[in-house]
Protein backbone atom coordinates (compact mmCIF):
# COMPACT_ATOMS: atom_id res chain seq x y z
CA MET A 1 0.00 0.00 0.00
CA LYS A 2 1.58 3.29 -1.12
CA ILE A 3 1.92 6.08 1.45
CA ILE A 4 2.49 9.78 0.82
CA ASP A 5 3.33 11.80 3.92
CA ILE A 6 2.42 15.47 3.46
CA GLU A 7 3.64 16.68 6.88
CA LEU A 8 7.39 16.37 7.34
CA PHE A 9 9.79 18.90 8.86
CA LEU A 10 13.46 19.46 8.24
CA GLY A 11 15.99 21.52 10.20
CA SER A 12 16.24 22.90 13.73
CA CYS A 13 13.10 22.47 15.84
CA PRO A 14 12.22 25.72 17.68
CA PHE A 15 10.27 23.84 20.35
CA ASN A 16 12.78 21.20 21.30
CA PRO A 17 16.34 20.98 19.88
CA ALA A 18 16.26 17.21 20.43
CA LEU A 19 13.63 16.96 17.67
CA SER A 20 15.80 18.67 15.06
CA CYS A 21 16.19 16.60 11.91
CA ASP A 22 18.64 16.68 9.00
CA ILE A 23 18.12 15.47 5.45
CA ASP A 24 19.74 12.09 6.05
CA GLN A 25 17.41 11.37 8.98
CA VAL A 26 14.35 12.25 6.90
CA LEU A 27 15.45 10.03 4.02
CA GLU A 28 16.31 7.15 6.35
CA GLU A 29 12.91 7.34 8.03
CA LEU A 30 11.03 7.44 4.72
CA SER A 31 12.95 4.40 3.50
CA ALA A 32 12.43 2.48 6.74
CA ARG A 33 8.66 3.13 6.71
CA ASN A 34 8.28 2.60 2.96
CA ILE A 35 7.00 6.12 2.37
CA PHE A 36 6.65 6.73 -1.33
CA VAL A 37 6.88 10.54 -1.37
CA GLY A 38 7.16 13.19 1.38
CA PHE A 39 6.13 16.86 1.49
CA VAL A 40 8.70 18.81 3.53
CA SER A 41 8.61 22.16 5.35
CA ALA A 42 11.41 24.00 7.15
CA PHE A 43 11.28 23.91 10.95
CA GLU A 44 12.96 27.32 11.09
CA ALA A 45 10.09 28.90 9.13
CA ILE A 46 7.75 28.52 12.11
CA ILE A 47 9.35 31.45 13.92
CA SER A 48 11.66 32.98 11.29
CA CYS A 49 11.28 36.58 10.10
CA ASP A 50 13.03 35.72 6.84
CA ASN A 51 10.53 34.72 4.15
CA ILE A 52 13.18 34.10 1.53
CA GLY A 53 16.18 32.61 3.33
CA VAL A 54 14.53 29.64 5.04
CA ASN A 55 12.74 28.56 1.87
CA GLN A 56 15.86 28.96 -0.23
CA ASN A 57 17.75 26.73 2.16
CA LEU A 58 14.94 24.15 2.21
CA ILE A 59 14.79 23.84 -1.56
CA LYS A 60 18.57 23.69 -1.84
CA GLN A 61 18.69 20.78 0.61
CA ILE A 62 15.98 18.66 -0.96
CA LEU A 63 16.67 19.42 -4.64
CA PRO A 64 18.96 16.37 -5.06
CA TYR A 65 16.09 14.19 -3.79
CA SER A 66 13.25 15.73 -5.80
CA ASN A 67 12.03 12.27 -6.79
CA ILE A 68 11.18 11.61 -3.13
CA LEU A 69 10.89 14.97 -1.36
CA LEU A 70 8.66 17.85 -2.46
CA PRO A 71 8.95 21.29 -0.82
CA VAL A 72 6.13 23.11 0.94
CA ILE A 73 7.41 26.67 1.28
CA THR A 74 6.36 28.96 4.14
CA ILE A 75 5.46 32.63 4.05
CA ASP A 76 4.55 35.20 6.67
CA PRO A 77 2.22 37.55 4.76
CA THR A 78 2.58 40.25 7.42
CA ARG A 79 6.29 40.71 6.68
CA THR A 80 8.11 42.04 3.66
CA GLY A 81 9.39 39.52 1.18
CA TRP A 82 6.38 37.22 0.96
CA GLU A 83 5.52 38.31 -2.60
CA GLU A 84 9.09 37.80 -3.73
CA THR A 85 9.12 34.41 -2.02
CA ILE A 86 6.12 33.28 -4.05
CA LYS A 87 7.72 34.51 -7.28
CA MET A 88 11.01 32.79 -6.49
CA PHE A 89 9.85 29.43 -5.16
CA ALA A 90 6.19 28.74 -5.95
CA THR A 91 7.05 26.93 -9.19
CA ASP A 92 9.20 24.41 -7.31
CA ALA A 93 6.79 24.00 -4.40
CA VAL A 94 3.86 21.63 -4.13
CA GLY A 95 2.21 24.00 -1.66
CA ILE A 96 2.53 27.07 0.53
CA LYS A 97 2.25 26.94 4.30
CA LEU A 98 1.00 29.56 6.74
CA PHE A 99 1.56 29.59 10.51
CA PRO A 100 -0.93 32.30 11.62
CA ARG A 101 -0.81 31.49 15.33
CA TYR A 102 3.00 31.59 15.42
CA HIS A 103 3.37 34.56 13.07
CA ARG A 104 0.54 36.27 14.97
CA TYR A 105 -2.10 37.41 12.51
CA ASP A 106 -5.82 36.93 11.88
CA ILE A 107 -6.40 34.65 8.89
CA ILE A 108 -9.31 36.72 7.55
CA GLU A 109 -8.07 40.25 8.19
CA PRO A 110 -8.56 42.46 5.09
CA LYS A 111 -4.87 43.13 4.50
CA LEU A 112 -4.37 39.44 3.66
CA THR A 113 -6.76 39.59 0.71
CA GLU A 114 -3.93 40.29 -1.73
CA CYS A 115 -1.98 37.36 -0.35
CA TYR A 116 -4.82 34.87 -0.81
CA GLU A 117 -5.52 36.16 -4.31
CA LYS A 118 -1.88 35.70 -5.30
CA LEU A 119 -1.82 32.21 -3.82
CA ALA A 120 -4.99 31.36 -5.71
CA THR A 121 -3.39 32.60 -8.93
CA ALA A 122 -0.31 30.48 -8.24
CA GLY A 123 -2.61 27.45 -8.12
CA LYS A 124 -0.86 25.90 -5.14
CA LEU A 125 -2.27 24.11 -2.12
CA ILE A 126 -2.44 26.31 0.97
CA PHE A 127 -1.50 24.57 4.20
CA ILE A 128 -2.68 26.38 7.33
CA SER A 129 -1.18 25.09 10.57
CA LEU A 130 -3.55 25.14 13.53
CA ARG A 131 -0.91 23.82 15.91
CA CYS A 132 2.60 22.44 15.69
CA PHE A 133 3.05 21.17 19.20
CA ASP A 134 1.15 20.81 22.44
CA ASP A 135 0.60 24.44 23.49
CA ARG A 136 1.29 23.52 27.11
CA PHE A 137 4.87 22.66 26.25
CA THR A 138 5.61 25.53 23.90
CA PRO A 139 8.62 27.49 25.23
CA SER A 140 7.73 30.80 26.86
CA SER A 141 10.08 32.51 24.40
CA ILE A 142 7.64 31.65 21.59
CA SER A 143 4.50 33.79 21.68
CA ILE A 144 1.48 32.26 19.97
CA MET A 145 -2.08 33.42 19.42
CA PRO A 146 -5.14 31.58 20.78
CA GLU A 147 -6.55 28.63 18.87
CA ILE A 148 -8.42 29.48 15.68
CA GLU A 149 -12.13 28.74 15.75
CA SER A 150 -13.37 26.28 13.15
CA GLU A 151 -16.07 28.73 12.06
CA LYS A 152 -13.38 31.22 11.03
CA LEU A 153 -11.59 28.56 8.97
CA ILE A 154 -14.85 27.69 7.24
CA SER A 155 -15.48 31.38 6.52
CA LEU A 156 -12.04 31.64 4.93
CA ALA A 157 -12.72 28.64 2.68
CA ARG A 158 -16.04 30.17 1.61
CA LEU A 159 -14.35 33.47 0.77
CA TYR A 160 -11.88 31.74 -1.56
CA PRO A 161 -13.66 28.71 -3.07
CA GLU A 162 -10.98 28.37 -5.78
CA VAL A 163 -8.26 27.77 -3.18
CA MET A 164 -7.64 24.27 -1.82
CA PHE A 165 -7.06 24.63 1.93
CA ILE A 166 -5.32 21.90 3.91
CA PHE A 167 -5.73 22.48 7.64
CA THR A 168 -2.96 20.73 9.53
CA GLY A 169 -2.80 19.89 13.21
CA THR A 170 -6.59 19.53 13.52
CA THR A 171 -8.14 17.65 16.43
CA ILE A 172 -10.89 15.15 15.66
CA THR A 173 -13.52 17.68 16.83
CA GLU A 174 -12.11 20.38 14.55
CA ALA A 175 -11.80 17.98 11.64
CA PHE A 176 -15.40 16.87 11.96
CA LYS A 177 -16.68 20.47 12.12
CA LEU A 178 -14.61 21.50 9.12
CA LEU A 179 -15.63 18.57 6.95
CA CYS A 180 -19.28 18.83 7.94
CA ALA A 181 -19.30 22.27 6.30
CA GLU A 182 -19.46 20.27 3.05
CA LEU A 183 -17.03 22.53 1.21
CA LYS A 184 -14.99 20.86 -1.51
CA ASN A 185 -11.94 23.04 -0.82
CA ILE A 186 -11.40 21.94 2.80
CA TYR A 187 -9.01 19.11 3.69
CA VAL A 188 -7.61 17.95 7.02
CA THR A 189 -4.61 15.83 7.98
CA THR A 190 -4.28 12.84 10.27
CA SER A 191 -1.35 13.95 12.43
CA PHE A 192 -3.34 15.19 15.45
CA LEU A 193 -6.39 12.95 15.07
CA GLU A 194 -6.71 10.73 18.13
CA GLY A 195 -9.17 8.17 19.44
CA ASP A 196 -10.05 4.59 18.55
CA GLU A 197 -13.11 5.66 16.59
CA SER A 198 -11.86 8.93 15.09
CA PHE A 199 -11.39 7.65 11.54
CA GLU A 200 -14.47 5.45 11.74
CA MET A 201 -16.53 8.55 12.44
CA LEU A 202 -15.11 10.38 9.44
CA VAL A 203 -15.58 7.37 7.19
CA SER A 204 -19.15 6.80 8.36
CA GLN A 205 -19.97 10.37 7.38
CA ASP A 206 -18.32 9.87 3.97
CA ARG A 207 -15.67 12.51 4.73
CA TYR A 208 -12.66 10.31 4.12
CA ARG A 209 -11.98 11.76 0.65
CA GLN A 210 -10.93 15.01 2.31
CA VAL A 211 -8.60 13.40 4.86
CA LEU A 212 -4.88 13.30 4.02
CA PHE A 213 -2.08 11.38 5.69
CA GLY A 214 0.48 13.42 7.60
CA SER A 215 2.81 12.24 10.35
CA TYR A 216 4.34 15.50 11.65
CA PHE A 217 7.68 13.75 11.75
CA PRO A 218 9.97 14.30 13.65
CA ILE A 219 7.65 15.94 16.20
CA PHE A 220 5.68 12.69 16.18
CA PRO A 221 7.17 9.28 15.24
CA LEU A 222 6.35 8.44 11.65
CA GLU A 223 5.78 4.81 12.57
CA ALA A 224 3.10 5.85 15.08
CA GLY A 225 1.30 7.91 12.45
CA ILE A 226 1.14 4.95 10.10
CA ALA A 227 0.04 2.55 12.84
CA LYS A 228 -2.67 4.92 14.04
CA LEU A 229 -4.46 4.64 10.71
CA LYS A 230 -3.58 0.98 10.17
CA ASN A 231 -5.18 0.00 13.48
CA GLN A 232 -8.50 1.70 12.77
CA ARG A 233 -11.47 -0.53 12.01
CA ILE A 234 -11.93 0.70 8.47
CA SER A 235 -11.51 -1.05 5.12
CA ASP A 236 -8.32 -1.00 3.09
CA ILE A 237 -10.09 1.07 0.45
CA PHE A 238 -10.49 3.92 2.91
CA ARG A 239 -6.88 3.55 4.07
CA GLU A 240 -5.60 3.66 0.49
CA ASN A 241 -7.49 6.89 -0.10
CA ILE A 242 -6.18 8.55 3.06
CA TYR A 243 -2.63 7.25 2.70
CA ALA A 244 -2.15 8.37 -0.91
CA GLU A 245 -5.07 8.45 -3.34
CA ASN A 246 -6.70 11.61 -1.98
CA ILE A 247 -3.57 13.74 -2.23
CA LEU A 248 -2.75 12.33 -5.67
CA LYS A 249 -6.17 13.36 -6.95
CA LEU A 250 -5.97 16.76 -5.26
CA THR A 251 -2.57 17.58 -6.73
CA LYS A 252 -3.22 15.82 -10.05
CA MET A 253 0.07 14.04 -9.51
CA GLY A 254 -1.00 10.61 -10.64
CA TYR A 255 2.34 10.30 -12.38
CA LEU A 256 3.79 9.55 -8.95
CA LEU A 257 2.23 6.12 -9.28
CA ASP A 258 4.87 5.35 -11.89
CA SER A 259 7.14 3.63 -9.38
CA SER A 260 9.69 2.87 -12.09
CA LYS A 261 10.41 6.60 -12.22
CA TYR A 262 10.45 7.06 -8.47
CA LYS A 263 12.97 4.59 -7.15
CA ARG A 264 15.35 5.37 -4.32
């Protein structure tokens, strides 16, 4: 069963230096867990003021492994350089990630309209991180905003129906609320979904097509992310969709199924 992990981090972890991860560790983990393709973001981007530098470094590191690793660049639309970042790196990136709670801005404030319009024009997936770590253990040196209400996320998706939003770090309650809005441009990831019946509930409501596999490695063990879905009482058809098929359809990257082209 093919697996595509859309939530991987590379670099120095701002929450816990012990979780920092270099390129060799990422590649080794993907190989050990038989991950077909991984989407990678830069750890440093979570708190960095430099829109360009962290993304430039990310792409430089993973470029030699572009058959396995695909970059998700990060921008802070409240700081200078975000437009230039999109121009420079959007072509190489599979998506663009926002960390509104860590970069401290309201996702639907009017001054972000230009940003969303440019991202829509670029035709890239927009990843919005709701949380990166347990807030209780976030270092006091990192100031974050309160949790974002699901209703606000739904409002954002309604404002920009042409944009495909992937909300990462969602709890099962948030995921259910978001998917029950019945908007085709809302997707959630598995990384923070917990509970023996969490996936069963989503499957029973026919929401599984908008659920994407993400491990949040190295913050969470990749093996645990795979096992969490594997141990759910759902059919292999649903697992196949969540593990890989849904993201392949969303990105129109069916060519990734050509395993002869994508060998390590």
